[in-house]
Structure formats: C-alpha cells, structure tokens
C-alpha cells in the first residue's frame, strides 16, 4: 500500500465520518426549540492603570 493510497483512504474515511455526523445532526435537529433572542446585557470593563 503506497502513501498515496493511505492518504486517499484516510480522506475517504474522514469524509464518511463527517457525512454521517452531519446526517445524524440534520435528522435530530436542535435540542432547544425556543426562539433565539440576543442578550441586551452590556459588560463594562475597567482598565487597570498603574
């Protein structure tokens, strides 16, 4: 088995794993069905000056 074949096999396997994970994620969907609302909180950072 040449290096090219090993790299190609790894790439095909990696693509298959990510494809399966994407398919499962798409089928299951998000767990939180609440609408997304941006937060309005602002954080004020104080500068430390010495």
PDB file of N, CA and C in Angstrom:
ATOM      1  N   UNK A   1       0.851  -1.168   0.000  1.00  0.00           N
ATOM      2  CA  UNK A   1       0.000   0.000   0.000  1.00  0.00           C
ATOM      3  C   UNK A   1       0.904   1.240   0.000  1.00  0.00           C
ATOM      4  N   UNK A   2       0.686   2.090  -0.972  1.00  0.00           N
ATOM      5  CA  UNK A   2       1.520   3.276  -1.082  1.00  0.00           C
ATOM      6  C   UNK A   2       0.984   4.391  -0.196  1.00  0.00           C
ATOM      7  N   UNK A   3       1.808   5.394  -0.023  1.00  0.00           N
ATOM      8  CA  UNK A   3       1.423   6.531   0.809  1.00  0.00           C
ATOM      9  C   UNK A   3       0.214   7.252   0.217  1.00  0.00           C
ATOM     10  N   UNK A   4       0.157   7.324  -1.086  1.00  0.00           N
ATOM     11  CA  UNK A   4      -0.971   7.986  -1.738  1.00  0.00           C
ATOM     12  C   UNK A   4      -2.271   7.251  -1.444  1.00  0.00           C
ATOM     13  N   UNK A   5      -2.228   5.939  -1.483  1.00  0.00           N
ATOM     14  CA  UNK A   5      -3.426   5.148  -1.190  1.00  0.00           C
ATOM     15  C   UNK A   5      -3.843   5.305   0.274  1.00  0.00           C
ATOM     16  N   UNK A   6      -2.873   5.367   1.158  1.00  0.00           N
ATOM     17  CA  UNK A   6      -3.192   5.531   2.579  1.00  0.00           C
ATOM     18  C   UNK A   6      -3.823   6.891   2.850  1.00  0.00           C
ATOM     19  N   UNK A   7      -3.285   7.924   2.234  1.00  0.00           N
ATOM     20  CA  UNK A   7      -3.836   9.268   2.413  1.00  0.00           C
ATOM     21  C   UNK A   7      -5.235   9.354   1.806  1.00  0.00           C
ATOM     22  N   UNK A   8      -5.421   8.771   0.636  1.00  0.00           N
ATOM     23  CA  UNK A   8      -6.737   8.773  -0.001  1.00  0.00           C
ATOM     24  C   UNK A   8      -7.746   8.001   0.853  1.00  0.00           C
ATOM     25  N   UNK A   9      -7.331   6.879   1.399  1.00  0.00           N
ATOM     26  CA  UNK A   9      -8.220   6.103   2.265  1.00  0.00           C
ATOM     27  C   UNK A   9      -8.598   6.872   3.518  1.00  0.00           C
ATOM     28  N   UNK A  10      -7.625   7.567   4.094  1.00  0.00           N
ATOM     29  CA  UNK A  10      -7.894   8.381   5.272  1.00  0.00           C
ATOM     30  C   UNK A  10      -8.879   9.499   4.935  1.00  0.00           C
ATOM     31  N   UNK A  11      -8.691  10.161   3.803  1.00  0.00           N
ATOM     32  CA  UNK A  11      -9.574  11.252   3.392  1.00  0.00           C
ATOM     33  C   UNK A  11     -10.992  10.742   3.153  1.00  0.00           C
ATOM     34  N   UNK A  12     -11.117   9.575   2.519  1.00  0.00           N
ATOM     35  CA  UNK A  12     -12.441   8.999   2.269  1.00  0.00           C
ATOM     36  C   UNK A  12     -13.107   8.632   3.589  1.00  0.00           C
ATOM     37  N   UNK A  13     -12.356   8.028   4.512  1.00  0.00           N
ATOM     38  CA  UNK A  13     -12.906   7.667   5.811  1.00  0.00           C
ATOM     39  C   UNK A  13     -13.325   8.890   6.611  1.00  0.00           C
ATOM     40  N   UNK A  14     -12.509   9.921   6.582  1.00  0.00           N
ATOM     41  CA  UNK A  14     -12.817  11.151   7.292  1.00  0.00           C
ATOM     42  C   UNK A  14     -14.067  11.807   6.715  1.00  0.00           C
ATOM     43  N   UNK A  15     -14.178  11.845   5.406  1.00  0.00           N
ATOM     44  CA  UNK A  15     -15.356  12.417   4.764  1.00  0.00           C
ATOM     45  C   UNK A  15     -16.602  11.606   5.118  1.00  0.00           C
ATOM     46  N   UNK A  16     -16.470  10.289   5.194  1.00  0.00           N
ATOM     47  CA  UNK A  16     -17.610   9.445   5.548  1.00  0.00           C
ATOM     48  C   UNK A  16     -18.060   9.716   6.979  1.00  0.00           C
ATOM     49  N   UNK A  17     -17.115   9.833   7.902  1.00  0.00           N
ATOM     50  CA  UNK A  17     -17.463  10.094   9.297  1.00  0.00           C
ATOM     51  C   UNK A  17     -18.156  11.443   9.437  1.00  0.00           C
ATOM     52  N   UNK A  18     -17.624  12.471   8.810  1.00  0.00           N
ATOM     53  CA  UNK A  18     -18.252  13.787   8.894  1.00  0.00           C
ATOM     54  C   UNK A  18     -19.597  13.805   8.185  1.00  0.00           C
ATOM     55  N   UNK A  19     -19.724  13.085   7.085  1.00  0.00           N
ATOM     56  CA  UNK A  19     -21.005  12.995   6.391  1.00  0.00           C
ATOM     57  C   UNK A  19     -22.069  12.321   7.237  1.00  0.00           C
ATOM     58  N   UNK A  20     -21.694  11.238   7.902  1.00  0.00           N
ATOM     59  CA  UNK A  20     -22.632  10.541   8.782  1.00  0.00           C
ATOM     60  C   UNK A  20     -23.016  11.439   9.953  1.00  0.00           C
ATOM     61  N   UNK A  21     -22.043  12.107  10.553  1.00  0.00           N
ATOM     62  CA  UNK A  21     -22.331  13.000  11.672  1.00  0.00           C
ATOM     63  C   UNK A  21     -23.246  14.139  11.234  1.00  0.00           C
ATOM     64  N   UNK A  22     -23.032  14.689  10.058  1.00  0.00           N
ATOM     65  CA  UNK A  22     -23.881  15.759   9.540  1.00  0.00           C
ATOM     66  C   UNK A  22     -25.296  15.245   9.309  1.00  0.00           C
ATOM     67  N   UNK A  23     -25.414  14.045   8.752  1.00  0.00           N
ATOM     68  CA  UNK A  23     -26.727  13.462   8.509  1.00  0.00           C
ATOM     69  C   UNK A  23     -27.492  13.214   9.797  1.00  0.00           C
ATOM     70  N   UNK A  24     -26.825  12.699  10.805  1.00  0.00           N
ATOM     71  CA  UNK A  24     -27.469  12.468  12.097  1.00  0.00           C
ATOM     72  C   UNK A  24     -27.872  13.798  12.723  1.00  0.00           C
ATOM     73  N   UNK A  25     -27.005  14.766  12.682  1.00  0.00           N
ATOM     74  CA  UNK A  25     -27.317  16.079  13.236  1.00  0.00           C
ATOM     75  C   UNK A  25     -28.482  16.737  12.525  1.00  0.00           C
ATOM     76  N   UNK A  26     -28.546  16.572  11.229  1.00  0.00           N
ATOM     77  CA  UNK A  26     -29.653  17.149  10.464  1.00  0.00           C
ATOM     78  C   UNK A  26     -30.962  16.427  10.775  1.00  0.00           C
ATOM     79  N   UNK A  27     -30.911  15.116  10.967  1.00  0.00           N
ATOM     80  CA  UNK A  27     -32.111  14.343  11.267  1.00  0.00           C
ATOM     81  C   UNK A  27     -32.634  14.637  12.675  1.00  0.00           C
ATOM     82  N   UNK A  28     -31.724  14.792  13.626  1.00  0.00           N
ATOM     83  CA  UNK A  28     -32.120  15.021  15.015  1.00  0.00           C
ATOM     84  C   UNK A  28     -32.558  16.465  15.203  1.00  0.00           C
ATOM     85  N   UNK A  29     -31.845  17.378  14.627  1.00  0.00           N
ATOM     86  CA  UNK A  29     -32.173  18.788  14.749  1.00  0.00           C
ATOM     87  C   UNK A  29     -31.705  19.355  16.078  1.00  0.00           C
ATOM     88  N   UNK A  30     -31.987  20.625  16.304  1.00  0.00           N
ATOM     89  CA  UNK A  30     -31.563  21.254  17.558  1.00  0.00           C
ATOM     90  C   UNK A  30     -32.395  20.743  18.729  1.00  0.00           C
ATOM     91  N   UNK A  31     -31.795  20.678  19.885  1.00  0.00           N
ATOM     92  CA  UNK A  31     -32.489  20.204  21.082  1.00  0.00           C
ATOM     93  C   UNK A  31     -33.328  21.300  21.695  1.00  0.00           C
ATOM     94  N   UNK A  32     -32.917  22.537  21.529  1.00  0.00           N
ATOM     95  CA  UNK A  32     -33.627  23.669  22.108  1.00  0.00           C
ATOM     96  C   UNK A  32     -34.495  24.291  21.025  1.00  0.00           C
ATOM     97  N   UNK A  33     -35.810  24.189  21.174  1.00  0.00           N
ATOM     98  CA  UNK A  33     -36.707  24.714  20.158  1.00  0.00           C
ATOM     99  C   UNK A  33     -37.190  26.118  20.474  1.00  0.00           C
ATOM    100  N   UNK A  34     -36.669  26.722  21.526  1.00  0.00           N
ATOM    101  CA  UNK A  34     -37.044  28.096  21.860  1.00  0.00           C
ATOM    102  C   UNK A  34     -36.405  29.043  20.841  1.00  0.00           C
ATOM    103  N   UNK A  35     -37.100  30.099  20.481  1.00  0.00           N
ATOM    104  CA  UNK A  35     -36.504  31.049  19.536  1.00  0.00           C
ATOM    105  C   UNK A  35     -35.279  31.731  20.136  1.00  0.00           C
ATOM    106  N   UNK A  36     -34.332  32.003  19.282  1.00  0.00           N
ATOM    107  CA  UNK A  36     -33.087  32.628  19.722  1.00  0.00           C
ATOM    108  C   UNK A  36     -33.340  34.102  19.958  1.00  0.00           C
ATOM    109  N   UNK A  37     -32.929  34.588  21.100  1.00  0.00           N
ATOM    110  CA  UNK A  37     -33.069  36.006  21.414  1.00  0.00           C
ATOM    111  C   UNK A  37     -31.708  36.544  21.854  1.00  0.00           C
ATOM    112  N   UNK A  38     -31.234  37.584  21.208  1.00  0.00           N
ATOM    113  CA  UNK A  38     -29.940  38.136  21.601  1.00  0.00           C
ATOM    114  C   UNK A  38     -30.027  38.783  22.981  1.00  0.00           C
ATOM    115  N   UNK A  39     -28.958  38.693  23.707  1.00  0.00           N
ATOM    116  CA  UNK A  39     -28.933  39.318  25.027  1.00  0.00           C
ATOM    117  C   UNK A  39     -28.676  40.809  24.870  1.00  0.00           C
ATOM    118  N   UNK A  40     -29.221  41.569  25.786  1.00  0.00           N
ATOM    119  CA  UNK A  40     -29.038  43.017  25.730  1.00  0.00           C
ATOM    120  C   UNK A  40     -28.096  43.495  26.825  1.00  0.00           C
ATOM    121  N   UNK A  41     -27.503  42.553  27.522  1.00  0.00           N
ATOM    122  CA  UNK A  41     -26.583  42.928  28.589  1.00  0.00           C
ATOM    123  C   UNK A  41     -25.298  43.486  27.998  1.00  0.00           C
ATOM    124  N   UNK A  42     -24.803  44.522  28.619  1.00  0.00           N
ATOM    125  CA  UNK A  42     -23.508  45.058  28.232  1.00  0.00           C
ATOM    126  C   UNK A  42     -22.567  44.921  29.412  1.00  0.00           C
ATOM    127  N   UNK A  43     -21.361  44.619  29.120  1.00  0.00           N
ATOM    128  CA  UNK A  43     -20.357  44.444  30.155  1.00  0.00           C
ATOM    129  C   UNK A  43     -19.368  45.597  30.053  1.00  0.00           C
ATOM    130  N   UNK A  44     -19.146  46.251  31.164  1.00  0.00           N
ATOM    131  CA  UNK A  44     -18.203  47.354  31.199  1.00  0.00           C
ATOM    132  C   UNK A  44     -16.914  46.851  31.827  1.00  0.00           C
ATOM    133  N   UNK A  45     -15.851  46.984  31.100  1.00  0.00           N
ATOM    134  CA  UNK A  45     -14.552  46.555  31.595  1.00  0.00           C
ATOM    135  C   UNK A  45     -13.793  47.750  32.133  1.00  0.00           C
ATOM    136  N   UNK A  46     -13.213  47.596  33.279  1.00  0.00           N
ATOM    137  CA  UNK A  46     -12.407  48.674  33.845  1.00  0.00           C
ATOM    138  C   UNK A  46     -10.956  48.415  33.511  1.00  0.00           C
ATOM    139  N   UNK A  47     -10.294  49.442  33.081  1.00  0.00           N
ATOM    140  CA  UNK A  47      -8.889  49.315  32.774  1.00  0.00           C
ATOM    141  C   UNK A  47      -8.070  49.437  34.038  1.00  0.00           C
ATOM    142  N   UNK A  48      -7.080  48.626  34.143  1.00  0.00           N
ATOM    143  CA  UNK A  48      -6.177  48.672  35.283  1.00  0.00           C
ATOM    144  C   UNK A  48      -4.984  49.539  34.910  1.00  0.00           C
ATOM    145  N   UNK A  49      -4.832  50.643  35.562  1.00  0.00           N
ATOM    146  CA  UNK A  49      -3.750  51.568  35.222  1.00  0.00           C
ATOM    147  C   UNK A  49      -2.817  51.713  36.416  1.00  0.00           C
ATOM    148  N   UNK A  50      -1.560  51.547  36.158  1.00  0.00           N
ATOM    149  CA  UNK A  50      -0.558  51.731  37.219  1.00  0.00           C
ATOM    150  C   UNK A  50       0.505  52.695  36.755  1.00  0.00           C
TER     151      UNK A  50
END
